[in-house]
Amino acid sequence: MEFRLGDYQHELGIIDRKYAPKDALRGPGGAVVFWHVDDVSSALEKVKAMGAREYEPRIEREAGFVTASVIDPFGNILGLMYNPHYLDMLAEHRNHAVIM
């Protein structure tokens, strides 16, 4: 399953465990990819309603960052993050695009 996300159409691929190498661990693992969302609590409830199970609850971190993570139905870990730094960079990019 492939998703294109955001203004830059970043790719997020969710791969079924049946395509994992035969020696891969059976539990969740690997890199956690964090996807910026505007509301972590709402996004967490939405993905859980779609079949994911909570891996790490919603955590408020320093500097306005908020994270949570889930395990999707295929065993992948997906991180959800409210990232003020991303929003600052996006706003700066938009300002430069208008000026040019």
PDB file of N, CA and C in Angstrom:
ATOM      1  N   MET A   1       0.851  -1.157   0.000  1.00  0.00           N
ATOM      2  CA  MET A   1       0.000   0.000   0.000  1.00  0.00           C
ATOM      3  C   MET A   1       0.907   1.233   0.000  1.00  0.00           C
ATOM      4  N   GLU A   2       0.607   2.187  -0.836  1.00  0.00           N
ATOM      5  CA  GLU A   2       1.434   3.383  -0.955  1.00  0.00           C
ATOM      6  C   GLU A   2       0.563   4.618  -0.815  1.00  0.00           C
ATOM      7  N   PHE A   3       1.082   5.576  -0.071  1.00  0.00           N
ATOM      8  CA  PHE A   3       0.390   6.846   0.118  1.00  0.00           C
ATOM      9  C   PHE A   3       1.317   7.960  -0.325  1.00  0.00           C
ATOM     10  N   ARG A   4       0.775   9.005  -0.908  1.00  0.00           N
ATOM     11  CA  ARG A   4       1.505  10.237  -1.210  1.00  0.00           C
ATOM     12  C   ARG A   4       0.954  11.292  -0.268  1.00  0.00           C
ATOM     13  N   LEU A   5       1.845  11.949   0.476  1.00  0.00           N
ATOM     14  CA  LEU A   5       1.421  12.815   1.551  1.00  0.00           C
ATOM     15  C   LEU A   5       1.986  14.219   1.429  1.00  0.00           C
ATOM     16  N   GLY A   6       1.201  15.184   1.840  1.00  0.00           N
ATOM     17  CA  GLY A   6       1.669  16.542   2.016  1.00  0.00           C
ATOM     18  C   GLY A   6       1.939  17.303   0.735  1.00  0.00           C
ATOM     19  N   ASP A   7       2.413  18.517   0.933  1.00  0.00           N
ATOM     20  CA  ASP A   7       2.682  19.429  -0.175  1.00  0.00           C
ATOM     21  C   ASP A   7       3.753  18.906  -1.120  1.00  0.00           C
ATOM     22  N   TYR A   8       4.663  18.072  -0.622  1.00  0.00           N
ATOM     23  CA  TYR A   8       5.759  17.568  -1.428  1.00  0.00           C
ATOM     24  C   TYR A   8       5.506  16.153  -1.928  1.00  0.00           C
ATOM     25  N   GLN A   9       4.304  15.623  -1.659  1.00  0.00           N
ATOM     26  CA  GLN A   9       3.929  14.277  -2.099  1.00  0.00           C
ATOM     27  C   GLN A   9       4.951  13.227  -1.657  1.00  0.00           C
ATOM     28  N   HIS A  10       5.366  13.295  -0.373  1.00  0.00           N
ATOM     29  CA  HIS A  10       6.269  12.287   0.187  1.00  0.00           C
ATOM     30  C   HIS A  10       5.590  10.931   0.119  1.00  0.00           C
ATOM     31  N   GLU A  11       6.373   9.901  -0.096  1.00  0.00           N
ATOM     32  CA  GLU A  11       5.826   8.552  -0.210  1.00  0.00           C
ATOM     33  C   GLU A  11       5.915   7.823   1.125  1.00  0.00           C
ATOM     34  N   LEU A  12       4.833   7.174   1.501  1.00  0.00           N
ATOM     35  CA  LEU A  12       4.800   6.303   2.668  1.00  0.00           C
ATOM     36  C   LEU A  12       4.298   4.955   2.180  1.00  0.00           C
ATOM     37  N   GLY A  13       5.124   3.938   2.299  1.00  0.00           N
ATOM     38  CA  GLY A  13       4.724   2.598   1.872  1.00  0.00           C
ATOM     39  C   GLY A  13       4.497   1.704   3.076  1.00  0.00           C
ATOM     40  N   ILE A  14       3.386   0.994   3.086  1.00  0.00           N
ATOM     41  CA  ILE A  14       3.078   0.015   4.130  1.00  0.00           C
ATOM     42  C   ILE A  14       3.140  -1.351   3.454  1.00  0.00           C
ATOM     43  N   ILE A  15       4.033  -2.203   3.924  1.00  0.00           N
ATOM     44  CA  ILE A  15       4.285  -3.476   3.270  1.00  0.00           C
ATOM     45  C   ILE A  15       3.763  -4.625   4.135  1.00  0.00           C
ATOM     46  N   ASP A  16       3.065  -5.534   3.513  1.00  0.00           N
ATOM     47  CA  ASP A  16       2.558  -6.724   4.188  1.00  0.00           C
ATOM     48  C   ASP A  16       3.732  -7.575   4.661  1.00  0.00           C
ATOM     49  N   ARG A  17       3.628  -8.135   5.852  1.00  0.00           N
ATOM     50  CA  ARG A  17       4.688  -8.946   6.438  1.00  0.00           C
ATOM     51  C   ARG A  17       5.056 -10.142   5.547  1.00  0.00           C
ATOM     52  N   LYS A  18       4.148 -10.610   4.705  1.00  0.00           N
ATOM     53  CA  LYS A  18       4.451 -11.776   3.861  1.00  0.00           C
ATOM     54  C   LYS A  18       5.607 -11.501   2.897  1.00  0.00           C
ATOM     55  N   TYR A  19       5.953 -10.232   2.681  1.00  0.00           N
ATOM     56  CA  TYR A  19       7.075  -9.881   1.817  1.00  0.00           C
ATOM     57  C   TYR A  19       8.385  -9.689   2.588  1.00  0.00           C
ATOM     58  N   ALA A  20       8.350  -9.878   3.892  1.00  0.00           N
ATOM     59  CA  ALA A  20       9.555  -9.727   4.704  1.00  0.00           C
ATOM     60  C   ALA A  20      10.516 -10.889   4.445  1.00  0.00           C
ATOM     61  N   PRO A  21      11.807 -10.649   4.603  1.00  0.00           N
ATOM     62  CA  PRO A  21      12.763 -11.750   4.453  1.00  0.00           C
ATOM     63  C   PRO A  21      12.443 -12.874   5.443  1.00  0.00           C
ATOM     64  N   LYS A  22      12.765 -14.114   5.073  1.00  0.00           N
ATOM     65  CA  LYS A  22      12.382 -15.264   5.902  1.00  0.00           C
ATOM     66  C   LYS A  22      12.991 -15.224   7.300  1.00  0.00           C
ATOM     67  N   ASP A  23      14.128 -14.562   7.484  1.00  0.00           N
ATOM     68  CA  ASP A  23      14.773 -14.502   8.794  1.00  0.00           C
ATOM     69  C   ASP A  23      14.376 -13.277   9.615  1.00  0.00           C
ATOM     70  N   ALA A  24      13.441 -12.484   9.124  1.00  0.00           N
ATOM     71  CA  ALA A  24      13.021 -11.270   9.840  1.00  0.00           C
ATOM     72  C   ALA A  24      12.332 -11.645  11.145  1.00  0.00           C
ATOM     73  N   LEU A  25      12.531 -10.821  12.152  1.00  0.00           N
ATOM     74  CA  LEU A  25      11.862 -11.035  13.433  1.00  0.00           C
ATOM     75  C   LEU A  25      10.352 -10.973  13.252  1.00  0.00           C
ATOM     76  N   ARG A  26       9.613 -11.687  14.060  1.00  0.00           N
ATOM     77  CA  ARG A  26       8.169 -11.736  13.918  1.00  0.00           C
ATOM     78  C   ARG A  26       7.454 -10.586  14.621  1.00  0.00           C
ATOM     79  N   GLY A  27       8.041  -9.982  15.607  1.00  0.00           N
ATOM     80  CA  GLY A  27       7.399  -8.873  16.315  1.00  0.00           C
ATOM     81  C   GLY A  27       7.626  -7.566  15.578  1.00  0.00           C
ATOM     82  N   PRO A  28       7.028  -6.490  16.071  1.00  0.00           N
ATOM     83  CA  PRO A  28       7.249  -5.189  15.437  1.00  0.00           C
ATOM     84  C   PRO A  28       8.710  -4.784  15.572  1.00  0.00           C
ATOM     85  N   GLY A  29       9.195  -4.098  14.601  1.00  0.00           N
ATOM     86  CA  GLY A  29      10.579  -3.664  14.675  1.00  0.00           C
ATOM     87  C   GLY A  29      10.939  -2.812  13.484  1.00  0.00           C
ATOM     88  N   GLY A  30      12.206  -2.481  13.396  1.00  0.00           N
ATOM     89  CA  GLY A  30      12.673  -1.651  12.299  1.00  0.00           C
ATOM     90  C   GLY A  30      12.597  -0.188  12.663  1.00  0.00           C
ATOM     91  N   ALA A  31      12.814   0.643  11.672  1.00  0.00           N
ATOM     92  CA  ALA A  31      12.772   2.087  11.879  1.00  0.00           C
ATOM     93  C   ALA A  31      11.335   2.549  12.078  1.00  0.00           C
ATOM     94  N   VAL A  32      11.168   3.524  12.927  1.00  0.00           N
ATOM     95  CA  VAL A  32       9.845   4.128  13.109  1.00  0.00           C
ATOM     96  C   VAL A  32       9.821   5.404  12.282  1.00  0.00           C
ATOM     97  N   VAL A  33       8.932   5.448  11.315  1.00  0.00           N
ATOM     98  CA  VAL A  33       8.770   6.628  10.479  1.00  0.00           C
ATOM     99  C   VAL A  33       7.662   7.470  11.092  1.00  0.00           C
ATOM    100  N   PHE A  34       7.975   8.728  11.382  1.00  0.00           N
ATOM    101  CA  PHE A  34       6.980   9.617  11.966  1.00  0.00           C
ATOM    102  C   PHE A  34       6.353  10.469  10.878  1.00  0.00           C
ATOM    103  N   TRP A  35       5.053  10.537  10.899  1.00  0.00           N
ATOM    104  CA  TRP A  35       4.243  11.266   9.941  1.00  0.00           C
ATOM    105  C   TRP A  35       3.658  12.464  10.686  1.00  0.00           C
ATOM    106  N   HIS A  36       3.935  13.668  10.189  1.00  0.00           N
ATOM    107  CA  HIS A  36       3.401  14.872  10.833  1.00  0.00           C
ATOM    108  C   HIS A  36       1.886  14.921  10.650  1.00  0.00           C
ATOM    109  N   VAL A  37       1.186  15.158  11.744  1.00  0.00           N
ATOM    110  CA  VAL A  37      -0.268  15.345  11.724  1.00  0.00           C
ATOM    111  C   VAL A  37      -0.574  16.604  12.533  1.00  0.00           C
ATOM    112  N   ASP A  38      -1.692  17.228  12.242  1.00  0.00           N
ATOM    113  CA  ASP A  38      -2.062  18.441  12.972  1.00  0.00           C
ATOM    114  C   ASP A  38      -2.591  18.155  14.365  1.00  0.00           C
ATOM    115  N   ASP A  39      -3.153  16.966  14.579  1.00  0.00           N
ATOM    116  CA  ASP A  39      -3.743  16.601  15.867  1.00  0.00           C
ATOM    117  C   ASP A  39      -3.432  15.131  16.137  1.00  0.00           C
ATOM    118  N   VAL A  40      -2.444  14.873  16.994  1.00  0.00           N
ATOM    119  CA  VAL A  40      -2.003  13.504  17.265  1.00  0.00           C
ATOM    120  C   VAL A  40      -3.126  12.671  17.872  1.00  0.00           C
ATOM    121  N   SER A  41      -3.879  13.232  18.795  1.00  0.00           N
ATOM    122  CA  SER A  41      -4.951  12.459  19.436  1.00  0.00           C
ATOM    123  C   SER A  41      -5.987  11.992  18.420  1.00  0.00           C
ATOM    124  N   SER A  42      -6.422  12.881  17.545  1.00  0.00           N
ATOM    125  CA  SER A  42      -7.416  12.521  16.522  1.00  0.00           C
ATOM    126  C   SER A  42      -6.859  11.497  15.541  1.00  0.00           C
ATOM    127  N   ALA A  43      -5.622  11.714  15.098  1.00  0.00           N
ATOM    128  CA  ALA A  43      -5.006  10.773  14.154  1.00  0.00           C
ATOM    129  C   ALA A  43      -4.824   9.408  14.795  1.00  0.00           C
ATOM    130  N   LEU A  44      -4.450   9.385  16.076  1.00  0.00           N
ATOM    131  CA  LEU A  44      -4.280   8.121  16.789  1.00  0.00           C
ATOM    132  C   LEU A  44      -5.595   7.349  16.846  1.00  0.00           C
ATOM    133  N   GLU A  45      -6.665   8.030  17.166  1.00  0.00           N
ATOM    134  CA  GLU A  45      -7.979   7.365  17.208  1.00  0.00           C
ATOM    135  C   GLU A  45      -8.398   6.872  15.826  1.00  0.00           C
ATOM    136  N   LYS A  46      -8.091   7.658  14.800  1.00  0.00           N
ATOM    137  CA  LYS A  46      -8.477   7.271  13.434  1.00  0.00           C
ATOM    138  C   LYS A  46      -7.739   6.004  12.988  1.00  0.00           C
ATOM    139  N   VAL A  47      -6.425   5.943  13.186  1.00  0.00           N
ATOM    140  CA  VAL A  47      -5.690   4.758  12.744  1.00  0.00           C
ATOM    141  C   VAL A  47      -6.041   3.532  13.584  1.00  0.00           C
ATOM    142  N   LYS A  48      -6.359   3.747  14.851  1.00  0.00           N
ATOM    143  CA  LYS A  48      -6.807   2.616  15.672  1.00  0.00           C
ATOM    144  C   LYS A  48      -8.155   2.093  15.170  1.00  0.00           C
ATOM    145  N   ALA A  49      -9.028   2.987  14.748  1.00  0.00           N
ATOM    146  CA  ALA A  49     -10.319   2.575  14.194  1.00  0.00           C
ATOM    147  C   ALA A  49     -10.144   1.821  12.880  1.00  0.00           C
ATOM    148  N   MET A  50      -9.013   2.041  12.209  1.00  0.00           N
ATOM    149  CA  MET A  50      -8.728   1.368  10.937  1.00  0.00           C
ATOM    150  C   MET A  50      -7.999   0.040  11.136  1.00  0.00           C
ATOM    151  N   GLY A  51      -7.770  -0.361  12.390  1.00  0.00           N
ATOM    152  CA  GLY A  51      -7.167  -1.667  12.649  1.00  0.00           C
ATOM    153  C   GLY A  51      -5.787  -1.655  13.265  1.00  0.00           C
ATOM    154  N   ALA A  52      -5.196  -0.486  13.470  1.00  0.00           N
ATOM    155  CA  ALA A  52      -3.885  -0.425  14.126  1.00  0.00           C
ATOM    156  C   ALA A  52      -4.073  -0.582  15.630  1.00  0.00           C
ATOM    157  N   ARG A  53      -3.020  -1.013  16.300  1.00  0.00           N
ATOM    158  CA  ARG A  53      -3.078  -1.064  17.769  1.00  0.00           C
ATOM    159  C   ARG A  53      -1.981  -0.169  18.338  1.00  0.00           C
ATOM    160  N   GLU A  54      -2.297   0.443  19.450  1.00  0.00           N
ATOM    161  CA  GLU A  54      -1.371   1.412  20.051  1.00  0.00           C
ATOM    162  C   GLU A  54      -0.076   0.733  20.458  1.00  0.00           C
ATOM    163  N   TYR A  55       1.023   1.347  20.096  1.00  0.00           N
ATOM    164  CA  TYR A  55       2.355   0.863  20.460  1.00  0.00           C
ATOM    165  C   TYR A  55       2.953   1.751  21.550  1.00  0.00           C
ATOM    166  N   GLU A  56       2.888   3.049  21.326  1.00  0.00           N
ATOM    167  CA  GLU A  56       3.334   4.027  22.320  1.00  0.00           C
ATOM    168  C   GLU A  56       2.239   5.075  22.419  1.00  0.00           C
ATOM    169  N   PRO A  57       1.776   5.378  23.620  1.00  0.00           N
ATOM    170  CA  PRO A  57       0.683   6.348  23.749  1.00  0.00           C
ATOM    171  C   PRO A  57       1.129   7.764  23.371  1.00  0.00           C
ATOM    172  N   ARG A  58       0.185   8.652  23.318  1.00  0.00           N
ATOM    173  CA  ARG A  58       0.455  10.062  23.042  1.00  0.00           C
ATOM    174  C   ARG A  58       1.356  10.608  24.147  1.00  0.00           C
ATOM    175  N   ILE A  59       2.458  11.241  23.737  1.00  0.00           N
ATOM    176  CA  ILE A  59       3.413  11.803  24.695  1.00  0.00           C
ATOM    177  C   ILE A  59       3.721  13.236  24.282  1.00  0.00           C
ATOM    178  N   GLU A  60       3.563  14.170  25.195  1.00  0.00           N
ATOM    179  CA  GLU A  60       3.977  15.552  24.947  1.00  0.00           C
ATOM    180  C   GLU A  60       5.457  15.644  25.269  1.00  0.00           C
ATOM    181  N   ARG A  61       6.228  16.073  24.286  1.00  0.00           N
ATOM    182  CA  ARG A  61       7.673  16.171  24.441  1.00  0.00           C
ATOM    183  C   ARG A  61       8.068  17.646  24.488  1.00  0.00           C
ATOM    184  N   GLU A  62       9.362  17.928  24.589  1.00  0.00           N
ATOM    185  CA  GLU A  62       9.800  19.320  24.694  1.00  0.00           C
ATOM    186  C   GLU A  62       9.560  20.079  23.398  1.00  0.00           C
ATOM    187  N   ALA A  63       9.568  21.379  23.498  1.00  0.00           N
ATOM    188  CA  ALA A  63       9.489  22.305  22.362  1.00  0.00           C
ATOM    189  C   ALA A  63       8.229  22.133  21.515  1.00  0.00           C
ATOM    190  N   GLY A  64       7.151  21.646  22.103  1.00  0.00           N
ATOM    191  CA  GLY A  64       5.891  21.546  21.385  1.00  0.00           C
ATOM    192  C   GLY A  64       5.682  20.284  20.573  1.00  0.00           C
ATOM    193  N   PHE A  65       6.648  19.379  20.578  1.00  0.00           N
ATOM    194  CA  PHE A  65       6.504  18.122  19.847  1.00  0.00           C
ATOM    195  C   PHE A  65       5.567  17.187  20.612  1.00  0.00           C
ATOM    196  N   VAL A  66       4.728  16.477  19.875  1.00  0.00           N
ATOM    197  CA  VAL A  66       3.833  15.471  20.452  1.00  0.00           C
ATOM    198  C   VAL A  66       3.965  14.231  19.580  1.00  0.00           C
ATOM    199  N   THR A  67       4.118  13.057  20.217  1.00  0.00           N
ATOM    200  CA  THR A  67       4.267  11.819  19.449  1.00  0.00           C
ATOM    201  C   THR A  67       3.356  10.719  19.982  1.00  0.00           C
ATOM    202  N   ALA A  68       3.139   9.733  19.147  1.00  0.00           N
ATOM    203  CA  ALA A  68       2.476   8.480  19.494  1.00  0.00           C
ATOM    204  C   ALA A  68       2.873   7.507  18.397  1.00  0.00           C
ATOM    205  N   SER A  69       2.670   6.222  18.613  1.00  0.00           N
ATOM    206  CA  SER A  69       2.924   5.265  17.536  1.00  0.00           C
ATOM    207  C   SER A  69       1.967   4.092  17.648  1.00  0.00           C
ATOM    208  N   VAL A  70       1.774   3.446  16.507  1.00  0.00           N
ATOM    209  CA  VAL A  70       0.874   2.300  16.419  1.00  0.00           C
ATOM    210  C   VAL A  70       1.558   1.191  15.639  1.00  0.00           C
ATOM    211  N   ILE A  71       1.012   0.000  15.761  1.00  0.00           N
ATOM    212  CA  ILE A  71       1.418  -1.130  14.931  1.00  0.00           C
ATOM    213  C   ILE A  71       0.275  -1.373  13.963  1.00  0.00           C
ATOM    214  N   ASP A  72       0.581  -1.300  12.672  1.00  0.00           N
ATOM    215  CA  ASP A  72      -0.471  -1.496  11.677  1.00  0.00           C
ATOM    216  C   ASP A  72      -0.819  -2.984  11.560  1.00  0.00           C
ATOM    217  N   PRO A  73      -1.860  -3.327  10.825  1.00  0.00           N
ATOM    218  CA  PRO A  73      -2.263  -4.733  10.727  1.00  0.00           C
ATOM    219  C   PRO A  73      -1.201  -5.658  10.123  1.00  0.00           C
ATOM    220  N   PHE A  74      -0.170  -5.088   9.477  1.00  0.00           N
ATOM    221  CA  PHE A  74       0.888  -5.895   8.879  1.00  0.00           C
ATOM    222  C   PHE A  74       2.101  -6.033   9.793  1.00  0.00           C
ATOM    223  N   GLY A  75       2.085  -5.398  10.974  1.00  0.00           N
ATOM    224  CA  GLY A  75       3.199  -5.475  11.911  1.00  0.00           C
ATOM    225  C   GLY A  75       4.188  -4.337  11.813  1.00  0.00           C
ATOM    226  N   ASN A  76       3.936  -3.337  10.958  1.00  0.00           N
ATOM    227  CA  ASN A  76       4.818  -2.168  10.846  1.00  0.00           C
ATOM    228  C   ASN A  76       4.501  -1.171  11.947  1.00  0.00           C
ATOM    229  N   ILE A  77       5.514  -0.481  12.426  1.00  0.00           N
ATOM    230  CA  ILE A  77       5.313   0.587  13.398  1.00  0.00           C
ATOM    231  C   ILE A  77       5.198   1.898  12.631  1.00  0.00           C
ATOM    232  N   LEU A  78       4.160   2.658  12.905  1.00  0.00           N
ATOM    233  CA  LEU A  78       3.951   3.964  12.291  1.00  0.00           C
ATOM    234  C   LEU A  78       3.901   4.998  13.403  1.00  0.00           C
ATOM    235  N   GLY A  79       4.775   5.995  13.318  1.00  0.00           N
ATOM    236  CA  GLY A  79       4.781   7.071  14.293  1.00  0.00           C
ATOM    237  C   GLY A  79       3.929   8.240  13.827  1.00  0.00           C
ATOM    238  N   LEU A  80       3.235   8.848  14.754  1.00  0.00           N
ATOM    239  CA  LEU A  80       2.459  10.065  14.496  1.00  0.00           C
ATOM    240  C   LEU A  80       3.119  11.186  15.289  1.00  0.00           C
ATOM    241  N   MET A  81       3.286  12.336  14.666  1.00  0.00           N
ATOM    242  CA  MET A  81       3.985  13.416  15.352  1.00  0.00           C
ATOM    243  C   MET A  81       3.393  14.767  14.975  1.00  0.00           C
ATOM    244  N   TYR A  82       3.209  15.599  15.979  1.00  0.00           N
ATOM    245  CA  TYR A  82       2.980  17.018  15.750  1.00  0.00           C
ATOM    246  C   TYR A  82       4.356  17.646  15.873  1.00  0.00           C
ATOM    247  N   ASN A  83       4.814  18.291  14.783  1.00  0.00           N
ATOM    248  CA  ASN A  83       6.178  18.758  14.707  1.00  0.00           C
ATOM    249  C   ASN A  83       6.200  20.248  14.356  1.00  0.00           C
ATOM    250  N   PRO A  84       6.330  21.127  15.358  1.00  0.00           N
ATOM    251  CA  PRO A  84       6.333  22.568  15.065  1.00  0.00           C
ATOM    252  C   PRO A  84       7.489  22.981  14.154  1.00  0.00           C
ATOM    253  N   HIS A  85       8.608  22.280  14.215  1.00  0.00           N
ATOM    254  CA  HIS A  85       9.745  22.592  13.346  1.00  0.00           C
ATOM    255  C   HIS A  85       9.366  22.372  11.876  1.00  0.00           C
ATOM    256  N   TYR A  86       8.654  21.288  11.581  1.00  0.00           N
ATOM    257  CA  TYR A  86       8.195  21.030  10.216  1.00  0.00           C
ATOM    258  C   TYR A  86       7.296  22.170   9.738  1.00  0.00           C
ATOM    259  N   LEU A  87       6.394  22.607  10.598  1.00  0.00           N
ATOM    260  CA  LEU A  87       5.486  23.691  10.219  1.00  0.00           C
ATOM    261  C   LEU A  87       6.246  24.988   9.947  1.00  0.00           C
ATOM    262  N   ASP A  88       7.272  25.266  10.757  1.00  0.00           N
ATOM    263  CA  ASP A  88       8.104  26.457  10.529  1.00  0.00           C
ATOM    264  C   ASP A  88       8.812  26.373   9.177  1.00  0.00           C
ATOM    265  N   MET A  89       9.371  25.198   8.884  1.00  0.00           N
ATOM    266  CA  MET A  89      10.066  25.017   7.604  1.00  0.00           C
ATOM    267  C   MET A  89       9.096  25.131   6.433  1.00  0.00           C
ATOM    268  N   LEU A  90       7.911  24.585   6.572  1.00  0.00           N
ATOM    269  CA  LEU A  90       6.905  24.654   5.520  1.00  0.00           C
ATOM    270  C   LEU A  90       6.489  26.101   5.269  1.00  0.00           C
ATOM    271  N   ALA A  91       6.280  26.856   6.337  1.00  0.00           N
ATOM    272  CA  ALA A  91       5.910  28.267   6.197  1.00  0.00           C
ATOM    273  C   ALA A  91       7.026  29.054   5.526  1.00  0.00           C
ATOM    274  N   GLU A  92       8.267  28.769   5.914  1.00  0.00           N
ATOM    275  CA  GLU A  92       9.403  29.468   5.302  1.00  0.00           C
ATOM    276  C   GLU A  92       9.489  29.136   3.811  1.00  0.00           C
ATOM    277  N   HIS A  93       9.282  27.883   3.465  1.00  0.00           N
ATOM    278  CA  HIS A  93       9.313  27.477   2.057  1.00  0.00           C
ATOM    279  C   HIS A  93       8.218  28.192   1.266  1.00  0.00           C
ATOM    280  N   ARG A  94       7.042  28.263   1.832  1.00  0.00           N
ATOM    281  CA  ARG A  94       5.939  28.945   1.155  1.00  0.00           C
ATOM    282  C   ARG A  94       6.216  30.429   0.973  1.00  0.00           C
ATOM    283  N   ASN A  95       6.839  31.060   1.982  1.00  0.00           N
ATOM    284  CA  ASN A  95       7.192  32.473   1.877  1.00  0.00           C
ATOM    285  C   ASN A  95       8.222  32.705   0.772  1.00  0.00           C
ATOM    286  N   HIS A  96       9.194  31.811   0.650  1.00  0.00           N
ATOM    287  CA  HIS A  96      10.212  31.943  -0.396  1.00  0.00           C
ATOM    288  C   HIS A  96       9.586  31.713  -1.768  1.00  0.00           C
ATOM    289  N   ALA A  97       8.658  30.788  -1.869  1.00  0.00           N
ATOM    290  CA  ALA A  97       8.019  30.498  -3.154  1.00  0.00           C
ATOM    291  C   ALA A  97       7.215  31.701  -3.647  1.00  0.00           C
ATOM    292  N   VAL A  98       6.590  32.422  -2.717  1.00  0.00           N
ATOM    293  CA  VAL A  98       5.803  33.604  -3.089  1.00  0.00           C
ATOM    294  C   VAL A  98       6.707  34.742  -3.534  1.00  0.00           C
ATOM    295  N   ILE A  99       7.832  34.905  -2.848  1.00  0.00           N
ATOM    296  CA  ILE A  99       8.775  35.999  -3.147  1.00  0.00           C
ATOM    297  C   ILE A  99       9.421  35.782  -4.511  1.00  0.00           C
ATOM    298  N   MET A 100       9.763  34.569  -4.846  1.00  0.00           N
ATOM    299  CA  MET A 100      10.456  34.285  -6.104  1.00  0.00           C
ATOM    300  C   MET A 100       9.490  34.411  -7.201  1.00  0.00           C
TER     301      MET A 100
END
